[in-house]
Amino acid sequence: MLNNYVPILIFMAVALIMGVAMVVIGRVLGPHRPDTEKNSPYECGFEAFEDSRMKFDVRYYLVAILFIIFDLEIAFLFPWAVALSEVGMLGFVAMMLFLGILVVGFIYEWKKGALEWE
């Protein structure tokens, strides 16, 4: 039983060793020429003019949450579509219920004006 996981463990160990090796090689062999321009905070090519803790409009967060929700929806849709013949009618109805709930939430956000930018 445990023999099935040995290739995965070997793969993870090799990946970890290679990742650490690349970072160490970069630190050891890479050039170190810091100056004030490289160490200054960068914000679109000019100096920062406001506090970095400024408040964002709440609509930004609503759009970000909507993106995450619909991104996860797609992550659930692809495996469901591939396995549709195995899940049968119950799986189809469950996915339609899931999509229906998402559509109702999307319509609610749309009606509230969360997607309107002024």
PDB file of N, CA and C in Angstrom:
ATOM      1  N   MET A   1       0.827  -1.197   0.000  1.00  0.00           N
ATOM      2  CA  MET A   1       0.000   0.000   0.000  1.00  0.00           C
ATOM      3  C   MET A   1       0.867   1.255   0.000  1.00  0.00           C
ATOM      4  N   LEU A   2       1.857   1.301   0.881  1.00  0.00           N
ATOM      5  CA  LEU A   2       2.714   2.479   0.971  1.00  0.00           C
ATOM      6  C   LEU A   2       3.632   2.603  -0.237  1.00  0.00           C
ATOM      7  N   ASN A   3       3.875   1.512  -0.933  1.00  0.00           N
ATOM      8  CA  ASN A   3       4.747   1.539  -2.116  1.00  0.00           C
ATOM      9  C   ASN A   3       4.166   2.408  -3.227  1.00  0.00           C
ATOM     10  N   ASN A   4       2.855   2.622  -3.231  1.00  0.00           N
ATOM     11  CA  ASN A   4       2.234   3.461  -4.254  1.00  0.00           C
ATOM     12  C   ASN A   4       2.621   4.927  -4.091  1.00  0.00           C
ATOM     13  N   TYR A   5       2.977   5.349  -2.877  1.00  0.00           N
ATOM     14  CA  TYR A   5       3.291   6.740  -2.601  1.00  0.00           C
ATOM     15  C   TYR A   5       4.776   7.064  -2.717  1.00  0.00           C
ATOM     16  N   VAL A   6       5.617   6.066  -2.878  1.00  0.00           N
ATOM     17  CA  VAL A   6       7.065   6.289  -2.953  1.00  0.00           C
ATOM     18  C   VAL A   6       7.437   7.179  -4.138  1.00  0.00           C
ATOM     19  N   PRO A   7       6.910   6.963  -5.354  1.00  0.00           N
ATOM     20  CA  PRO A   7       7.264   7.869  -6.459  1.00  0.00           C
ATOM     21  C   PRO A   7       6.865   9.318  -6.194  1.00  0.00           C
ATOM     22  N   ILE A   8       5.732   9.519  -5.540  1.00  0.00           N
ATOM     23  CA  ILE A   8       5.290  10.883  -5.222  1.00  0.00           C
ATOM     24  C   ILE A   8       6.246  11.529  -4.227  1.00  0.00           C
ATOM     25  N   LEU A   9       6.647  10.772  -3.220  1.00  0.00           N
ATOM     26  CA  LEU A   9       7.591  11.300  -2.229  1.00  0.00           C
ATOM     27  C   LEU A   9       8.939  11.613  -2.867  1.00  0.00           C
ATOM     28  N   ILE A  10       9.393  10.753  -3.768  1.00  0.00           N
ATOM     29  CA  ILE A  10      10.662  11.008  -4.471  1.00  0.00           C
ATOM     30  C   ILE A  10      10.536  12.275  -5.317  1.00  0.00           C
ATOM     31  N   PHE A  11       9.427  12.418  -6.023  1.00  0.00           N
ATOM     32  CA  PHE A  11       9.202  13.603  -6.850  1.00  0.00           C
ATOM     33  C   PHE A  11       9.203  14.867  -5.999  1.00  0.00           C
ATOM     34  N   MET A  12       8.531  14.837  -4.850  1.00  0.00           N
ATOM     35  CA  MET A  12       8.486  16.003  -3.973  1.00  0.00           C
ATOM     36  C   MET A  12       9.864  16.323  -3.406  1.00  0.00           C
ATOM     37  N   ALA A  13      10.623  15.297  -3.055  1.00  0.00           N
ATOM     38  CA  ALA A  13      11.970  15.522  -2.514  1.00  0.00           C
ATOM     39  C   ALA A  13      12.884  16.129  -3.571  1.00  0.00           C
ATOM     40  N   VAL A  14      12.823  15.620  -4.801  1.00  0.00           N
ATOM     41  CA  VAL A  14      13.649  16.173  -5.876  1.00  0.00           C
ATOM     42  C   VAL A  14      13.247  17.619  -6.157  1.00  0.00           C
ATOM     43  N   ALA A  15      11.949  17.912  -6.173  1.00  0.00           N
ATOM     44  CA  ALA A  15      11.488  19.279  -6.414  1.00  0.00           C
ATOM     45  C   ALA A  15      11.961  20.221  -5.311  1.00  0.00           C
ATOM     46  N   LEU A  16      11.895  19.777  -4.071  1.00  0.00           N
ATOM     47  CA  LEU A  16      12.347  20.603  -2.954  1.00  0.00           C
ATOM     48  C   LEU A  16      13.850  20.848  -3.031  1.00  0.00           C
ATOM     49  N   ILE A  17      14.608  19.814  -3.318  1.00  0.00           N
ATOM     50  CA  ILE A  17      16.072  19.960  -3.421  1.00  0.00           C
ATOM     51  C   ILE A  17      16.432  20.898  -4.564  1.00  0.00           C
ATOM     52  N   MET A  18      15.771  20.748  -5.715  1.00  0.00           N
ATOM     53  CA  MET A  18      16.068  21.623  -6.856  1.00  0.00           C
ATOM     54  C   MET A  18      15.686  23.068  -6.560  1.00  0.00           C
ATOM     55  N   GLY A  19      14.551  23.285  -5.898  1.00  0.00           N
ATOM     56  CA  GLY A  19      14.134  24.644  -5.564  1.00  0.00           C
ATOM     57  C   GLY A  19      15.109  25.319  -4.626  1.00  0.00           C
ATOM     58  N   VAL A  20      15.520  24.610  -3.576  1.00  0.00           N
ATOM     59  CA  VAL A  20      16.484  25.165  -2.627  1.00  0.00           C
ATOM     60  C   VAL A  20      17.824  25.406  -3.316  1.00  0.00           C
ATOM     61  N   ALA A  21      18.233  24.479  -4.175  1.00  0.00           N
ATOM     62  CA  ALA A  21      19.510  24.633  -4.881  1.00  0.00           C
ATOM     63  C   ALA A  21      19.496  25.871  -5.769  1.00  0.00           C
ATOM     64  N   MET A  22      18.403  26.122  -6.463  1.00  0.00           N
ATOM     65  CA  MET A  22      18.317  27.291  -7.341  1.00  0.00           C
ATOM     66  C   MET A  22      18.400  28.588  -6.537  1.00  0.00           C
ATOM     67  N   VAL A  23      17.735  28.639  -5.399  1.00  0.00           N
ATOM     68  CA  VAL A  23      17.779  29.843  -4.570  1.00  0.00           C
ATOM     69  C   VAL A  23      19.191  30.066  -4.033  1.00  0.00           C
ATOM     70  N   VAL A  24      19.831  29.001  -3.576  1.00  0.00           N
ATOM     71  CA  VAL A  24      21.187  29.124  -3.035  1.00  0.00           C
ATOM     72  C   VAL A  24      22.159  29.539  -4.128  1.00  0.00           C
ATOM     73  N   ILE A  25      22.066  28.942  -5.300  1.00  0.00           N
ATOM     74  CA  ILE A  25      22.958  29.312  -6.413  1.00  0.00           C
ATOM     75  C   ILE A  25      22.746  30.776  -6.792  1.00  0.00           C
ATOM     76  N   GLY A  26      21.495  31.220  -6.823  1.00  0.00           N
ATOM     77  CA  GLY A  26      21.214  32.621  -7.144  1.00  0.00           C
ATOM     78  C   GLY A  26      21.802  33.574  -6.119  1.00  0.00           C
ATOM     79  N   ARG A  27      21.708  33.214  -4.852  1.00  0.00           N
ATOM     80  CA  ARG A  27      22.268  34.070  -3.801  1.00  0.00           C
ATOM     81  C   ARG A  27      23.785  34.106  -3.844  1.00  0.00           C
ATOM     82  N   VAL A  28      24.395  32.969  -4.112  1.00  0.00           N
ATOM     83  CA  VAL A  28      25.860  32.885  -4.079  1.00  0.00           C
ATOM     84  C   VAL A  28      26.478  33.503  -5.325  1.00  0.00           C
ATOM     85  N   LEU A  29      25.946  33.178  -6.498  1.00  0.00           N
ATOM     86  CA  LEU A  29      26.572  33.619  -7.745  1.00  0.00           C
ATOM     87  C   LEU A  29      25.991  34.915  -8.307  1.00  0.00           C
ATOM     88  N   GLY A  30      24.854  35.362  -7.799  1.00  0.00           N
ATOM     89  CA  GLY A  30      24.224  36.566  -8.335  1.00  0.00           C
ATOM     90  C   GLY A  30      24.946  37.833  -7.921  1.00  0.00           C
ATOM     91  N   PRO A  31      24.843  38.867  -8.758  1.00  0.00           N
ATOM     92  CA  PRO A  31      25.492  40.138  -8.419  1.00  0.00           C
ATOM     93  C   PRO A  31      24.760  40.841  -7.269  1.00  0.00           C
ATOM     94  N   HIS A  32      25.526  41.478  -6.421  1.00  0.00           N
ATOM     95  CA  HIS A  32      24.971  42.228  -5.280  1.00  0.00           C
ATOM     96  C   HIS A  32      25.420  43.679  -5.410  1.00  0.00           C
ATOM     97  N   ARG A  33      24.597  44.502  -6.071  1.00  0.00           N
ATOM     98  CA  ARG A  33      24.913  45.918  -6.248  1.00  0.00           C
ATOM     99  C   ARG A  33      23.707  46.765  -5.853  1.00  0.00           C
ATOM    100  N   PRO A  34      23.388  46.805  -4.583  1.00  0.00           N
ATOM    101  CA  PRO A  34      22.237  47.619  -4.160  1.00  0.00           C
ATOM    102  C   PRO A  34      22.558  49.109  -4.247  1.00  0.00           C
ATOM    103  N   ASP A  35      21.559  49.887  -4.586  1.00  0.00           N
ATOM    104  CA  ASP A  35      21.683  51.337  -4.543  1.00  0.00           C
ATOM    105  C   ASP A  35      20.346  51.918  -4.090  1.00  0.00           C
ATOM    106  N   THR A  36      20.302  53.222  -3.936  1.00  0.00           N
ATOM    107  CA  THR A  36      19.082  53.842  -3.402  1.00  0.00           C
ATOM    108  C   THR A  36      17.901  53.678  -4.354  1.00  0.00           C
ATOM    109  N   GLU A  37      18.162  53.661  -5.648  1.00  0.00           N
ATOM    110  CA  GLU A  37      17.082  53.530  -6.616  1.00  0.00           C
ATOM    111  C   GLU A  37      16.454  52.134  -6.550  1.00  0.00           C
ATOM    112  N   LYS A  38      17.286  51.108  -6.402  1.00  0.00           N
ATOM    113  CA  LYS A  38      16.765  49.743  -6.307  1.00  0.00           C
ATOM    114  C   LYS A  38      16.038  49.492  -4.997  1.00  0.00           C
ATOM    115  N   ASN A  39      16.457  50.127  -3.936  1.00  0.00           N
ATOM    116  CA  ASN A  39      15.850  49.905  -2.628  1.00  0.00           C
ATOM    117  C   ASN A  39      14.667  50.815  -2.339  1.00  0.00           C
ATOM    118  N   SER A  40      14.371  51.756  -3.230  1.00  0.00           N
ATOM    119  CA  SER A  40      13.248  52.671  -2.999  1.00  0.00           C
ATOM    120  C   SER A  40      11.924  51.969  -3.322  1.00  0.00           C
ATOM    121  N   PRO A  41      10.847  52.394  -2.677  1.00  0.00           N
ATOM    122  CA  PRO A  41       9.549  51.785  -2.985  1.00  0.00           C
ATOM    123  C   PRO A  41       9.098  52.187  -4.383  1.00  0.00           C
ATOM    124  N   TYR A  42       8.608  51.231  -5.125  1.00  0.00           N
ATOM    125  CA  TYR A  42       8.199  51.467  -6.501  1.00  0.00           C
ATOM    126  C   TYR A  42       6.682  51.491  -6.589  1.00  0.00           C
ATOM    127  N   GLU A  43       6.158  52.536  -7.204  1.00  0.00           N
ATOM    128  CA  GLU A  43       4.719  52.624  -7.397  1.00  0.00           C
ATOM    129  C   GLU A  43       4.462  53.284  -8.751  1.00  0.00           C
ATOM    130  N   CYS A  44       4.349  52.493  -9.766  1.00  0.00           N
ATOM    131  CA  CYS A  44       4.008  52.958 -11.113  1.00  0.00           C
ATOM    132  C   CYS A  44       5.013  53.969 -11.663  1.00  0.00           C
ATOM    133  N   GLY A  45       6.246  53.887 -11.285  1.00  0.00           N
ATOM    134  CA  GLY A  45       7.269  54.742 -11.859  1.00  0.00           C
ATOM    135  C   GLY A  45       7.463  56.071 -11.172  1.00  0.00           C
ATOM    136  N   PHE A  46       6.695  56.368 -10.132  1.00  0.00           N
ATOM    137  CA  PHE A  46       6.890  57.628  -9.427  1.00  0.00           C
ATOM    138  C   PHE A  46       6.776  57.388  -7.932  1.00  0.00           C
ATOM    139  N   GLU A  47       7.189  58.376  -7.181  1.00  0.00           N
ATOM    140  CA  GLU A  47       7.180  58.250  -5.729  1.00  0.00           C
ATOM    141  C   GLU A  47       5.752  58.120  -5.204  1.00  0.00           C
ATOM    142  N   ALA A  48       5.610  57.384  -4.120  1.00  0.00           N
ATOM    143  CA  ALA A  48       4.299  57.221  -3.505  1.00  0.00           C
ATOM    144  C   ALA A  48       3.803  58.576  -3.010  1.00  0.00           C
ATOM    145  N   PHE A  49       2.535  58.881  -3.272  1.00  0.00           N
ATOM    146  CA  PHE A  49       2.003  60.181  -2.873  1.00  0.00           C
ATOM    147  C   PHE A  49       0.933  60.074  -1.791  1.00  0.00           C
ATOM    148  N   GLU A  50       0.539  58.859  -1.431  1.00  0.00           N
ATOM    149  CA  GLU A  50      -0.448  58.678  -0.374  1.00  0.00           C
ATOM    150  C   GLU A  50       0.023  57.600   0.574  1.00  0.00           C
ATOM    151  N   ASP A  51      -0.712  57.465   1.647  1.00  0.00           N
ATOM    152  CA  ASP A  51      -0.427  56.413   2.603  1.00  0.00           C
ATOM    153  C   ASP A  51      -0.744  55.066   1.975  1.00  0.00           C
ATOM    154  N   SER A  52       0.078  54.075   2.257  1.00  0.00           N
ATOM    155  CA  SER A  52      -0.145  52.755   1.673  1.00  0.00           C
ATOM    156  C   SER A  52      -1.360  52.054   2.277  1.00  0.00           C
ATOM    157  N   ARG A  53      -1.892  52.597   3.352  1.00  0.00           N
ATOM    158  CA  ARG A  53      -3.067  52.008   3.985  1.00  0.00           C
ATOM    159  C   ARG A  53      -4.340  52.760   3.619  1.00  0.00           C
ATOM    160  N   MET A  54      -4.383  53.314   2.406  1.00  0.00           N
ATOM    161  CA  MET A  54      -5.578  54.047   2.009  1.00  0.00           C
ATOM    162  C   MET A  54      -6.741  53.090   1.800  1.00  0.00           C
ATOM    163  N   LYS A  55      -7.951  53.609   1.930  1.00  0.00           N
ATOM    164  CA  LYS A  55      -9.146  52.787   1.822  1.00  0.00           C
ATOM    165  C   LYS A  55      -9.522  52.612   0.356  1.00  0.00           C
ATOM    166  N   PHE A  56      -9.922  51.384   0.029  1.00  0.00           N
ATOM    167  CA  PHE A  56     -10.426  51.087  -1.302  1.00  0.00           C
ATOM    168  C   PHE A  56     -11.943  51.123  -1.266  1.00  0.00           C
ATOM    169  N   ASP A  57     -12.521  51.366  -2.408  1.00  0.00           N
ATOM    170  CA  ASP A  57     -13.968  51.327  -2.523  1.00  0.00           C
ATOM    171  C   ASP A  57     -14.433  49.891  -2.294  1.00  0.00           C
ATOM    172  N   VAL A  58     -15.555  49.723  -1.611  1.00  0.00           N
ATOM    173  CA  VAL A  58     -16.045  48.395  -1.278  1.00  0.00           C
ATOM    174  C   VAL A  58     -16.407  47.614  -2.541  1.00  0.00           C
ATOM    175  N   ARG A  59     -16.703  48.302  -3.626  1.00  0.00           N
ATOM    176  CA  ARG A  59     -17.036  47.607  -4.874  1.00  0.00           C
ATOM    177  C   ARG A  59     -15.864  46.803  -5.409  1.00  0.00           C
ATOM    178  N   TYR A  60     -14.656  47.265  -5.131  1.00  0.00           N
ATOM    179  CA  TYR A  60     -13.481  46.499  -5.541  1.00  0.00           C
ATOM    180  C   TYR A  60     -13.505  45.120  -4.898  1.00  0.00           C
ATOM    181  N   TYR A  61     -13.818  45.068  -3.621  1.00  0.00           N
ATOM    182  CA  TYR A  61     -13.856  43.795  -2.912  1.00  0.00           C
ATOM    183  C   TYR A  61     -15.009  42.926  -3.400  1.00  0.00           C
ATOM    184  N   LEU A  62     -16.148  43.543  -3.707  1.00  0.00           N
ATOM    185  CA  LEU A  62     -17.274  42.773  -4.218  1.00  0.00           C
ATOM    186  C   LEU A  62     -16.943  42.130  -5.553  1.00  0.00           C
ATOM    187  N   VAL A  63     -16.299  42.882  -6.433  1.00  0.00           N
ATOM    188  CA  VAL A  63     -15.908  42.327  -7.725  1.00  0.00           C
ATOM    189  C   VAL A  63     -14.872  41.225  -7.535  1.00  0.00           C
ATOM    190  N   ALA A  64     -13.942  41.407  -6.605  1.00  0.00           N
ATOM    191  CA  ALA A  64     -12.937  40.378  -6.342  1.00  0.00           C
ATOM    192  C   ALA A  64     -13.588  39.109  -5.810  1.00  0.00           C
ATOM    193  N   ILE A  65     -14.548  39.248  -4.921  1.00  0.00           N
ATOM    194  CA  ILE A  65     -15.236  38.070  -4.389  1.00  0.00           C
ATOM    195  C   ILE A  65     -16.042  37.387  -5.482  1.00  0.00           C
ATOM    196  N   LEU A  66     -16.708  38.175  -6.330  1.00  0.00           N
ATOM    197  CA  LEU A  66     -17.445  37.577  -7.443  1.00  0.00           C
ATOM    198  C   LEU A  66     -16.511  36.825  -8.384  1.00  0.00           C
ATOM    199  N   PHE A  67     -15.337  37.383  -8.637  1.00  0.00           N
ATOM    200  CA  PHE A  67     -14.380  36.691  -9.494  1.00  0.00           C
ATOM    201  C   PHE A  67     -13.977  35.361  -8.878  1.00  0.00           C
ATOM    202  N   ILE A  68     -13.697  35.357  -7.582  1.00  0.00           N
ATOM    203  CA  ILE A  68     -13.283  34.113  -6.927  1.00  0.00           C
ATOM    204  C   ILE A  68     -14.411  33.090  -6.974  1.00  0.00           C
ATOM    205  N   ILE A  69     -15.633  33.529  -6.730  1.00  0.00           N
ATOM    206  CA  ILE A  69     -16.765  32.600  -6.759  1.00  0.00           C
ATOM    207  C   ILE A  69     -16.913  31.982  -8.136  1.00  0.00           C
ATOM    208  N   PHE A  70     -16.878  32.796  -9.185  1.00  0.00           N
ATOM    209  CA  PHE A  70     -17.093  32.254 -10.517  1.00  0.00           C
ATOM    210  C   PHE A  70     -15.859  31.515 -11.030  1.00  0.00           C
ATOM    211  N   ASP A  71     -14.700  31.836 -10.514  1.00  0.00           N
ATOM    212  CA  ASP A  71     -13.507  31.060 -10.842  1.00  0.00           C
ATOM    213  C   ASP A  71     -13.615  29.674 -10.229  1.00  0.00           C
ATOM    214  N   LEU A  72     -14.089  29.591  -8.998  1.00  0.00           N
ATOM    215  CA  LEU A  72     -14.293  28.284  -8.370  1.00  0.00           C
ATOM    216  C   LEU A  72     -15.403  27.506  -9.063  1.00  0.00           C
ATOM    217  N   GLU A  73     -16.381  28.219  -9.561  1.00  0.00           N
ATOM    218  CA  GLU A  73     -17.449  27.547 -10.298  1.00  0.00           C
ATOM    219  C   GLU A  73     -16.872  26.814 -11.498  1.00  0.00           C
ATOM    220  N   ILE A  74     -15.988  27.458 -12.218  1.00  0.00           N
ATOM    221  CA  ILE A  74     -15.369  26.816 -13.375  1.00  0.00           C
ATOM    222  C   ILE A  74     -14.515  25.635 -12.934  1.00  0.00           C
ATOM    223  N   ALA A  75     -13.844  25.763 -11.803  1.00  0.00           N
ATOM    224  CA  ALA A  75     -13.034  24.657 -11.294  1.00  0.00           C
ATOM    225  C   ALA A  75     -13.908  23.445 -10.965  1.00  0.00           C
ATOM    226  N   PHE A  76     -15.157  23.673 -10.554  1.00  0.00           N
ATOM    227  CA  PHE A  76     -16.065  22.559 -10.293  1.00  0.00           C
ATOM    228  C   PHE A  76     -16.722  22.051 -11.573  1.00  0.00           C
ATOM    229  N   LEU A  77     -16.896  22.917 -12.559  1.00  0.00           N
ATOM    230  CA  LEU A  77     -17.605  22.516 -13.772  1.00  0.00           C
ATOM    231  C   LEU A  77     -16.816  21.551 -14.648  1.00  0.00           C
ATOM    232  N   PHE A  78     -15.529  21.741 -14.787  1.00  0.00           N
ATOM    233  CA  PHE A  78     -14.752  20.879 -15.672  1.00  0.00           C
ATOM    234  C   PHE A  78     -14.742  19.422 -15.214  1.00  0.00           C
ATOM    235  N   PRO A  79     -14.413  19.135 -13.953  1.00  0.00           N
ATOM    236  CA  PRO A  79     -14.463  17.724 -13.550  1.00  0.00           C
ATOM    237  C   PRO A  79     -15.877  17.143 -13.618  1.00  0.00           C
ATOM    238  N   TRP A  80     -16.866  17.964 -13.310  1.00  0.00           N
ATOM    239  CA  TRP A  80     -18.244  17.499 -13.387  1.00  0.00           C
ATOM    240  C   TRP A  80     -18.609  17.135 -14.823  1.00  0.00           C
ATOM    241  N   ALA A  81     -18.199  17.953 -15.778  1.00  0.00           N
ATOM    242  CA  ALA A  81     -18.511  17.683 -17.176  1.00  0.00           C
ATOM    243  C   ALA A  81     -17.811  16.418 -17.668  1.00  0.00           C
ATOM    244  N   VAL A  82     -16.602  16.193 -17.193  1.00  0.00           N
ATOM    245  CA  VAL A  82     -15.873  14.993 -17.610  1.00  0.00           C
ATOM    246  C   VAL A  82     -16.524  13.736 -17.032  1.00  0.00           C
ATOM    247  N   ALA A  83     -16.987  13.821 -15.791  1.00  0.00           N
ATOM    248  CA  ALA A  83     -17.553  12.654 -15.118  1.00  0.00           C
ATOM    249  C   ALA A  83     -19.077  12.642 -15.156  1.00  0.00           C
ATOM    250  N   LEU A  84     -19.682  13.345 -16.090  1.00  0.00           N
ATOM    251  CA  LEU A  84     -21.141  13.458 -16.120  1.00  0.00           C
ATOM    252  C   LEU A  84     -21.813  12.105 -16.313  1.00  0.00           C
ATOM    253  N   SER A  85     -21.229  11.232 -17.110  1.00  0.00           N
ATOM    254  CA  SER A  85     -21.852   9.924 -17.334  1.00  0.00           C
ATOM    255  C   SER A  85     -21.815   9.062 -16.075  1.00  0.00           C
ATOM    256  N   GLU A  86     -20.812   9.245 -15.210  1.00  0.00           N
ATOM    257  CA  GLU A  86     -20.726   8.448 -13.993  1.00  0.00           C
ATOM    258  C   GLU A  86     -21.623   8.987 -12.873  1.00  0.00           C
ATOM    259  N   VAL A  87     -21.808  10.311 -12.808  1.00  0.00           N
ATOM    260  CA  VAL A  87     -22.592  10.869 -11.706  1.00  0.00           C
ATOM    261  C   VAL A  87     -24.087  10.746 -11.930  1.00  0.00           C
ATOM    262  N   GLY A  88     -24.505  10.573 -13.146  1.00  0.00           N
ATOM    263  CA  GLY A  88     -25.912  10.333 -13.446  1.00  0.00           C
ATOM    264  C   GLY A  88     -26.793  11.554 -13.234  1.00  0.00           C
ATOM    265  N   MET A  89     -28.078  11.266 -13.118  1.00  0.00           N
ATOM    266  CA  MET A  89     -29.070  12.334 -13.010  1.00  0.00           C
ATOM    267  C   MET A  89     -28.957  13.086 -11.688  1.00  0.00           C
ATOM    268  N   LEU A  90     -28.601  12.395 -10.607  1.00  0.00           N
ATOM    269  CA  LEU A  90     -28.457  13.055  -9.313  1.00  0.00           C
ATOM    270  C   LEU A  90     -27.327  14.086  -9.357  1.00  0.00           C
ATOM    271  N   GLY A  91     -26.222  13.742  -9.989  1.00  0.00           N
ATOM    272  CA  GLY A  91     -25.110  14.686 -10.143  1.00  0.00           C
ATOM    273  C   GLY A  91     -25.493  15.868 -11.018  1.00  0.00           C
ATOM    274  N   PHE A  92     -26.292  15.611 -12.049  1.00  0.00           N
ATOM    275  CA  PHE A  92     -26.745  16.688 -12.921  1.00  0.00           C
ATOM    276  C   PHE A  92     -27.635  17.660 -12.161  1.00  0.00           C
ATOM    277  N   VAL A  93     -28.583  17.130 -11.393  1.00  0.00           N
ATOM    278  CA  VAL A  93     -29.499  17.979 -10.629  1.00  0.00           C
ATOM    279  C   VAL A  93     -28.733  18.764  -9.561  1.00  0.00           C
ATOM    280  N   ALA A  94     -27.760  18.137  -8.918  1.00  0.00           N
ATOM    281  CA  ALA A  94     -26.972  18.828  -7.896  1.00  0.00           C
ATOM    282  C   ALA A  94     -26.190  19.985  -8.515  1.00  0.00           C
ATOM    283  N   MET A  95     -25.612  19.777  -9.689  1.00  0.00           N
ATOM    284  CA  MET A  95     -24.857  20.857 -10.334  1.00  0.00           C
ATOM    285  C   MET A  95     -25.787  21.967 -10.802  1.00  0.00           C
ATOM    286  N   MET A  96     -26.967  21.631 -11.283  1.00  0.00           N
ATOM    287  CA  MET A  96     -27.910  22.663 -11.691  1.00  0.00           C
ATOM    288  C   MET A  96     -28.370  23.483 -10.483  1.00  0.00           C
ATOM    289  N   LEU A  97     -28.533  22.842  -9.338  1.00  0.00           N
ATOM    290  CA  LEU A  97     -28.875  23.572  -8.116  1.00  0.00           C
ATOM    291  C   LEU A  97     -27.734  24.510  -7.725  1.00  0.00           C
ATOM    292  N   PHE A  98     -26.508  24.014  -7.799  1.00  0.00           N
ATOM    293  CA  PHE A  98     -25.326  24.829  -7.496  1.00  0.00           C
ATOM    294  C   PHE A  98     -25.252  26.034  -8.435  1.00  0.00           C
ATOM    295  N   LEU A  99     -25.424  25.804  -9.736  1.00  0.00           N
ATOM    296  CA  LEU A  99     -25.377  26.905 -10.702  1.00  0.00           C
ATOM    297  C   LEU A  99     -26.542  27.867 -10.498  1.00  0.00           C
ATOM    298  N   GLY A 100     -27.703  27.340 -10.128  1.00  0.00           N
ATOM    299  CA  GLY A 100     -28.852  28.205  -9.866  1.00  0.00           C
ATOM    300  C   GLY A 100     -28.603  29.140  -8.697  1.00  0.00           C
ATOM    301  N   ILE A 101     -28.001  28.623  -7.641  1.00  0.00           N
ATOM    302  CA  ILE A 101     -27.678  29.463  -6.484  1.00  0.00           C
ATOM    303  C   ILE A 101     -26.682  30.545  -6.877  1.00  0.00           C
ATOM    304  N   LEU A 102     -25.697  30.194  -7.690  1.00  0.00           N
ATOM    305  CA  LEU A 102     -24.728  31.196  -8.140  1.00  0.00           C
ATOM    306  C   LEU A 102     -25.377  32.256  -9.024  1.00  0.00           C
ATOM    307  N   VAL A 103     -26.292  31.851  -9.873  1.00  0.00           N
ATOM    308  CA  VAL A 103     -26.971  32.814 -10.745  1.00  0.00           C
ATOM    309  C   VAL A 103     -27.836  33.756  -9.920  1.00  0.00           C
ATOM    310  N   VAL A 104     -28.524  33.231  -8.913  1.00  0.00           N
ATOM    311  CA  VAL A 104     -29.339  34.096  -8.043  1.00  0.00           C
ATOM    312  C   VAL A 104     -28.444  35.113  -7.335  1.00  0.00           C
ATOM    313  N   GLY A 105     -27.287  34.675  -6.831  1.00  0.00           N
ATOM    314  CA  GLY A 105     -26.352  35.598  -6.190  1.00  0.00           C
ATOM    315  C   GLY A 105     -25.821  36.641  -7.151  1.00  0.00           C
ATOM    316  N   PHE A 106     -25.535  36.218  -8.385  1.00  0.00           N
ATOM    317  CA  PHE A 106     -25.046  37.154  -9.394  1.00  0.00           C
ATOM    318  C   PHE A 106     -26.112  38.189  -9.732  1.00  0.00           C
ATOM    319  N   ILE A 107     -27.352  37.770  -9.887  1.00  0.00           N
ATOM    320  CA  ILE A 107     -28.436  38.705 -10.194  1.00  0.00           C
ATOM    321  C   ILE A 107     -28.632  39.687  -9.026  1.00  0.00           C
ATOM    322  N   TYR A 108     -28.519  39.193  -7.795  1.00  0.00           N
ATOM    323  CA  TYR A 108     -28.630  40.061  -6.626  1.00  0.00           C
ATOM    324  C   TYR A 108     -27.547  41.137  -6.646  1.00  0.00           C
ATOM    325  N   GLU A 109     -26.304  40.728  -6.902  1.00  0.00           N
ATOM    326  CA  GLU A 109     -25.201  41.695  -6.965  1.00  0.00           C
ATOM    327  C   GLU A 109     -25.421  42.693  -8.098  1.00  0.00           C
ATOM    328  N   TRP A 110     -25.926  42.224  -9.211  1.00  0.00           N
ATOM    329  CA  TRP A 110     -26.166  43.091 -10.362  1.00  0.00           C
ATOM    330  C   TRP A 110     -27.241  44.122 -10.027  1.00  0.00           C
ATOM    331  N   LYS A 111     -28.338  43.665  -9.411  1.00  0.00           N
ATOM    332  CA  LYS A 111     -29.430  44.570  -9.051  1.00  0.00           C
ATOM    333  C   LYS A 111     -29.008  45.587  -7.993  1.00  0.00           C
ATOM    334  N   LYS A 112     -28.117  45.201  -7.081  1.00  0.00           N
ATOM    335  CA  LYS A 112     -27.630  46.114  -6.046  1.00  0.00           C
ATOM    336  C   LYS A 112     -26.647  47.133  -6.606  1.00  0.00           C
ATOM    337  N   GLY A 113     -26.169  46.939  -7.833  1.00  0.00           N
ATOM    338  CA  GLY A 113     -25.257  47.884  -8.445  1.00  0.00           C
ATOM    339  C   GLY A 113     -23.801  47.650  -8.085  1.00  0.00           C
ATOM    340  N   ALA A 114     -23.471  46.447  -7.633  1.00  0.00           N
ATOM    341  CA  ALA A 114     -22.097  46.163  -7.247  1.00  0.00           C
ATOM    342  C   ALA A 114     -21.159  46.140  -8.463  1.00  0.00           C
ATOM    343  N   LEU A 115     -21.709  45.945  -9.634  1.00  0.00           N
ATOM    344  CA  LEU A 115     -20.882  45.871 -10.843  1.00  0.00           C
ATOM    345  C   LEU A 115     -20.823  47.194 -11.605  1.00  0.00           C
ATOM    346  N   GLU A 116     -21.460  48.222 -11.073  1.00  0.00           N
ATOM    347  CA  GLU A 116     -21.472  49.543 -11.719  1.00  0.00           C
ATOM    348  C   GLU A 116     -20.270  50.351 -11.263  1.00  0.00           C
ATOM    349  N   TRP A 117     -19.525  50.893 -12.206  1.00  0.00           N
ATOM    350  CA  TRP A 117     -18.390  51.770 -11.899  1.00  0.00           C
ATOM    351  C   TRP A 117     -18.727  53.175 -12.365  1.00  0.00           C
ATOM    352  N   GLU A 118     -18.499  54.142 -11.506  1.00  0.00           N
ATOM    353  CA  GLU A 118     -18.839  55.530 -11.846  1.00  0.00           C
ATOM    354  C   GLU A 118     -17.621  56.299 -12.251  1.00  0.00           C
TER     355      GLU A 118
END
